[in-house]
C-alpha atoms as a PDB file:
ATOM      1  CA  MET A   1      68.499 110.780 143.301  1.00  0.00           C
ATOM      2  CA  PHE A   2      67.750 107.568 145.187  1.00  0.00           C
ATOM      3  CA  GLY A   3      67.051 105.726 141.930  1.00  0.00           C
ATOM      4  CA  PHE A   4      70.403 106.869 140.566  1.00  0.00           C
ATOM      5  CA  VAL A   5      72.202 105.467 143.608  1.00  0.00           C
ATOM      6  CA  ILE A   6      70.349 102.138 143.337  1.00  0.00           C
ATOM      7  CA  GLY A   7      71.142 101.984 139.616  1.00  0.00           C
ATOM      8  CA  SER A   8      74.811 102.721 140.293  1.00  0.00           C
ATOM      9  CA  VAL A   9      74.976  99.993 142.934  1.00  0.00           C
ATOM     10  CA  CYS A  10      73.360  97.499 140.548  1.00  0.00           C
ATOM     11  CA  LEU A  11      75.810  98.411 137.783  1.00  0.00           C
ATOM     12  CA  ALA A  12      78.695  98.032 140.235  1.00  0.00           C
ATOM     13  CA  ALA A  13      77.373  94.624 141.287  1.00  0.00           C
ATOM     14  CA  LEU A  14      77.233  93.561 137.631  1.00  0.00           C
ATOM     15  CA  ALA A  15      80.863  94.606 137.167  1.00  0.00           C
ATOM     16  CA  VAL A  16      81.830  92.600 140.246  1.00  0.00           C
ATOM     17  CA  VAL A  17      80.032  89.490 138.967  1.00  0.00           C
ATOM     18  CA  VAL A  18      81.680  89.822 135.541  1.00  0.00           C
ATOM     19  CA  ALA A  19      85.115  90.348 137.072  1.00  0.00           C
ATOM     20  CA  ARG A  20      84.815  87.540 139.599  1.00  0.00           C
ATOM     21  CA  GLY A  21      83.279  84.993 137.274  1.00  0.00           C
ATOM     22  CA  ARG A  22      82.210  81.668 138.645  1.00  0.00           C
ATOM     23  CA  HIS A  23      84.667  78.849 139.086  1.00  0.00           C
ATOM     24  CA  GLY A  24      84.265  75.146 139.235  1.00  0.00           C
ATOM     25  CA  GLY A  25      82.420  72.850 137.043  1.00  0.00           C
ATOM     26  CA  TRP A  26      83.261  71.071 133.900  1.00  0.00           C
ATOM     27  CA  HIS A  27      85.938  68.852 132.460  1.00  0.00           C
ATOM     28  CA  HIS A  28      86.289  69.065 128.711  1.00  0.00           C
ATOM     29  CA  HIS A  29      88.724  66.965 126.724  1.00  0.00           C
ATOM     30  CA  GLY A  30      90.550  66.038 129.913  1.00  0.00           C
ATOM     31  CA  ARG A  31      91.004  69.624 131.112  1.00  0.00           C
ATOM     32  CA  HIS A  32      89.235  71.492 133.796  1.00  0.00           C
ATOM     33  CA  LEU A  33      87.375  74.542 132.465  1.00  0.00           C
ATOM     34  CA  SER A  34      85.795  77.233 134.577  1.00  0.00           C
ATOM     35  CA  ARG A  35      82.181  78.033 133.851  1.00  0.00           C
ATOM     36  CA  ARG A  36      83.217  81.293 132.199  1.00  0.00           C
ATOM     37  CA  ARG A  37      85.582  79.452 129.855  1.00  0.00           C
ATOM     38  CA  HIS A  38      83.005  76.748 129.267  1.00  0.00           C
ATOM     39  CA  LEU A  39      80.445  79.384 128.281  1.00  0.00           C
ATOM     40  CA  LEU A  40      82.879  81.092 125.912  1.00  0.00           C
ATOM     41  CA  HIS A  41      83.884  77.733 124.435  1.00  0.00           C
ATOM     42  CA  ALA A  42      80.223  76.818 123.921  1.00  0.00           C
ATOM     43  CA  VAL A  43      79.427  80.148 122.247  1.00  0.00           C
ATOM     44  CA  LEU A  44      82.448  79.874 119.948  1.00  0.00           C
ATOM     45  CA  ALA A  45      81.460  76.311 119.043  1.00  0.00           C
ATOM     46  CA  ARG A  46      77.889  77.382 118.320  1.00  0.00           C
ATOM     47  CA  LEU A  47      79.189  80.206 116.117  1.00  0.00           C
ATOM     48  CA  ASP A  48      81.509  77.758 114.338  1.00  0.00           C
ATOM     49  CA  THR A  49      84.397  80.215 114.515  1.00  0.00           C
ATOM     50  CA  THR A  50      87.677  79.775 112.692  1.00  0.00           C
ATOM     51  CA  PRO A  51      90.858  79.514 114.777  1.00  0.00           C
ATOM     52  CA  GLY A  52      91.724  83.114 113.852  1.00  0.00           C
ATOM     53  CA  GLN A  53      88.288  84.386 114.892  1.00  0.00           C
ATOM     54  CA  GLU A  54      88.452  82.399 118.114  1.00  0.00           C
ATOM     55  CA  LYS A  55      91.854  83.852 118.994  1.00  0.00           C
ATOM     56  CA  ALA A  56      90.672  87.416 118.326  1.00  0.00           C
ATOM     57  CA  ILE A  57      87.480  86.951 120.353  1.00  0.00           C
ATOM     58  CA  ARG A  58      89.336  85.347 123.265  1.00  0.00           C
ATOM     59  CA  GLN A  59      91.771  88.285 123.326  1.00  0.00           C
ATOM     60  CA  VAL A  60      88.886  90.773 123.400  1.00  0.00           C
ATOM     61  CA  VAL A  61      87.098  88.864 126.162  1.00  0.00           C
ATOM     62  CA  GLU A  62      90.290  88.516 128.232  1.00  0.00           C
ATOM     63  CA  GLY A  63      91.013  92.236 127.893  1.00  0.00           C
ATOM     64  CA  LEU A  64      87.484  93.064 129.004  1.00  0.00           C
ATOM     65  CA  ARG A  65      87.772  90.656 131.931  1.00  0.00           C
ATOM     66  CA  GLU A  66      90.961  92.371 133.072  1.00  0.00           C
ATOM     67  CA  LYS A  67      89.315  95.792 132.900  1.00  0.00           C
ATOM     68  CA  ALA A  68      86.245  94.539 134.777  1.00  0.00           C
ATOM     69  CA  SER A  69      88.538  93.044 137.394  1.00  0.00           C
ATOM     70  CA  ALA A  70      90.235  96.419 137.851  1.00  0.00           C
ATOM     71  CA  ALA A  71      86.806  98.074 138.251  1.00  0.00           C
ATOM     72  CA  ARG A  72      85.922  95.436 140.825  1.00  0.00           C
ATOM     73  CA  ARG A  73      89.082  96.139 142.818  1.00  0.00           C
ATOM     74  CA  THR A  74      88.243  99.848 142.794  1.00  0.00           C
ATOM     75  CA  ALA A  75      84.699  99.139 143.975  1.00  0.00           C
ATOM     76  CA  LEU A  76      85.950  96.859 146.740  1.00  0.00           C
ATOM     77  CA  GLY A  77      88.389  99.545 147.865  1.00  0.00           C
ATOM     78  CA  ALA A  78      85.541 102.025 148.162  1.00  0.00           C
ATOM     79  CA  ARG A  79      83.660  99.696 150.516  1.00  0.00           C
ATOM     80  CA  ALA A  80      86.028 100.476 153.395  1.00  0.00           C
ATOM     81  CA  GLU A  81      85.617 104.212 152.814  1.00  0.00           C
ATOM     82  CA  LEU A  82      81.840 103.848 152.704  1.00  0.00           C
ATOM     83  CA  ALA A  83      81.859 101.790 155.896  1.00  0.00           C
ATOM     84  CA  THR A  84      83.922 104.498 157.617  1.00  0.00           C
ATOM     85  CA  ALA A  85      81.450 107.155 156.476  1.00  0.00           C
ATOM     86  CA  LEU A  86      78.527 105.093 157.772  1.00  0.00           C
ATOM     87  CA  ARG A  87      80.183 104.556 161.167  1.00  0.00           C
ATOM     88  CA  ALA A  88      80.835 108.253 161.695  1.00  0.00           C
ATOM     89  CA  GLU A  89      78.720 110.131 164.178  1.00  0.00           C
ATOM     90  CA  ARG A  90      77.714 112.608 161.474  1.00  0.00           C
ATOM     91  CA  PHE A  91      76.928 111.594 157.909  1.00  0.00           C
ATOM     92  CA  ASP A  92      79.428 113.229 155.540  1.00  0.00           C
ATOM     93  CA  ARG A  93      77.604 113.741 152.253  1.00  0.00           C
ATOM     94  CA  ALA A  94      80.753 114.985 150.531  1.00  0.00           C
ATOM     95  CA  VAL A  95      82.634 111.745 151.209  1.00  0.00           C
ATOM     96  CA  VAL A  96      79.765 109.544 150.040  1.00  0.00           C
ATOM     97  CA  ASP A  97      79.100 111.774 147.037  1.00  0.00           C
ATOM     98  CA  GLY A  98      82.787 111.457 146.105  1.00  0.00           C
ATOM     99  CA  LEU A  99      82.595 107.675 146.374  1.00  0.00           C
ATOM    100  CA  VAL A 100      79.498 107.540 144.180  1.00  0.00           C
ATOM    101  CA  THR A 101      81.077 109.898 141.642  1.00  0.00           C
ATOM    102  CA  ARG A 102      84.258 107.810 141.503  1.00  0.00           C
ATOM    103  CA  GLY A 103      82.251 104.614 141.192  1.00  0.00           C
ATOM    104  CA  THR A 104      80.013 105.877 138.419  1.00  0.00           C
ATOM    105  CA  ALA A 105      83.026 107.252 136.514  1.00  0.00           C
ATOM    106  CA  GLY A 106      84.672 103.812 136.713  1.00  0.00           C
ATOM    107  CA  LEU A 107      81.483 102.117 135.565  1.00  0.00           C
ATOM    108  CA  SER A 108      81.120 104.597 132.733  1.00  0.00           C
ATOM    109  CA  ASP A 109      84.643 103.718 131.588  1.00  0.00           C
ATOM    110  CA  LEU A 110      83.802 100.015 131.843  1.00  0.00           C
ATOM    111  CA  ARG A 111      80.611 100.576 129.853  1.00  0.00           C
ATOM    112  CA  GLY A 112      82.711 102.110 127.080  1.00  0.00           C
ATOM    113  CA  GLU A 113      85.050  99.110 127.169  1.00  0.00           C
ATOM    114  CA  VAL A 114      82.077  96.741 126.835  1.00  0.00           C
ATOM    115  CA  VAL A 115      80.824  98.651 123.791  1.00  0.00           C
ATOM    116  CA  ASP A 116      84.316  98.588 122.250  1.00  0.00           C
ATOM    117  CA  ALA A 117      84.583  94.839 122.908  1.00  0.00           C
ATOM    118  CA  LEU A 118      81.216  94.172 121.297  1.00  0.00           C
ATOM    119  CA  ALA A 119      82.232  96.259 118.282  1.00  0.00           C
ATOM    120  CA  ALA A 120      85.491  94.286 117.945  1.00  0.00           C
ATOM    121  CA  ILE A 121      83.640  90.963 118.154  1.00  0.00           C
ATOM    122  CA  HIS A 122      81.042  92.167 115.634  1.00  0.00           C
ATOM    123  CA  GLU A 123      83.851  93.070 113.234  1.00  0.00           C
ATOM    124  CA  VAL A 124      85.422  89.595 113.446  1.00  0.00           C
ATOM    125  CA  LEU A 125      82.207  87.664 112.758  1.00  0.00           C
ATOM    126  CA  ASP A 126      80.558  87.080 109.396  1.00  0.00           C
ATOM    127  CA  GLU A 127      76.859  87.736 108.752  1.00  0.00           C
ATOM    128  CA  ARG A 128      75.724  84.209 109.677  1.00  0.00           C
ATOM    129  CA  GLN A 129      77.739  84.219 112.897  1.00  0.00           C
ATOM    130  CA  ARG A 130      76.410  87.660 113.906  1.00  0.00           C
ATOM    131  CA  SER A 131      72.874  86.397 113.361  1.00  0.00           C
ATOM    132  CA  THR A 132      73.565  83.308 115.477  1.00  0.00           C
ATOM    133  CA  LEU A 133      75.137  85.420 118.235  1.00  0.00           C
ATOM    134  CA  ALA A 134      72.156  87.795 118.172  1.00  0.00           C
ATOM    135  CA  GLY A 135      69.848  84.789 118.583  1.00  0.00           C
ATOM    136  CA  LEU A 136      71.867  83.566 121.575  1.00  0.00           C
ATOM    137  CA  VAL A 137      71.723  87.004 123.192  1.00  0.00           C
ATOM    138  CA  GLU A 138      68.006  87.296 122.493  1.00  0.00           C
ATOM    139  CA  ALA A 139      67.298  83.842 123.967  1.00  0.00           C
ATOM    140  CA  GLY A 140      68.989  84.846 127.207  1.00  0.00           C
ATOM    141  CA  PRO A 141      70.823  82.940 129.907  1.00  0.00           C
ATOM    142  CA  GLY A 142      68.339  80.068 130.073  1.00  0.00           C
ATOM    143  CA  LEU A 143      69.630  78.733 126.761  1.00  0.00           C
ATOM    144  CA  HIS A 144      71.628  75.523 127.127  1.00  0.00           C
ATOM    145  CA  LEU A 145      74.666  76.169 124.981  1.00  0.00           C
ATOM    146  CA  SER A 146      76.262  72.834 125.677  1.00  0.00           C
ATOM    147  CA  ARG A 147      73.724  71.060 123.456  1.00  0.00           C
ATOM    148  CA  GLY A 148      75.267  70.362 120.114  1.00  0.00           C
ATOM    149  CA  CYS A 149      78.755  71.473 121.151  1.00  0.00           C
END
């Protein structure tokens, strides 16, 4: 049970990080780009996407960002309820269980949205681009995408 709670909290934290993004950073062609946009731009450049592919992928990513942001707002709203439950003289398992259930249901929905987004992106890319994207995913976050962009 404890592992499930820890896993749920970690998944919620991931949703919060995705929704919040990180701001600041780069100037590209005279415009300020957030790190999230810079990363997407770098991936699209590495994949050598057509304008049509780029538009479709950006729409998918933006839709997913909006849904992750909604999940983040829900998680942040639950913080106050959890704090109230923790301050109470007696621990109310039903309240906390309800919060965890609501949170995991929201994360489950978000997980489905992520899978749908990945399927939509997979559909837009050709075989070479899918192979390149798979290589980027496999290499992980330490890869410097800005090289060669």
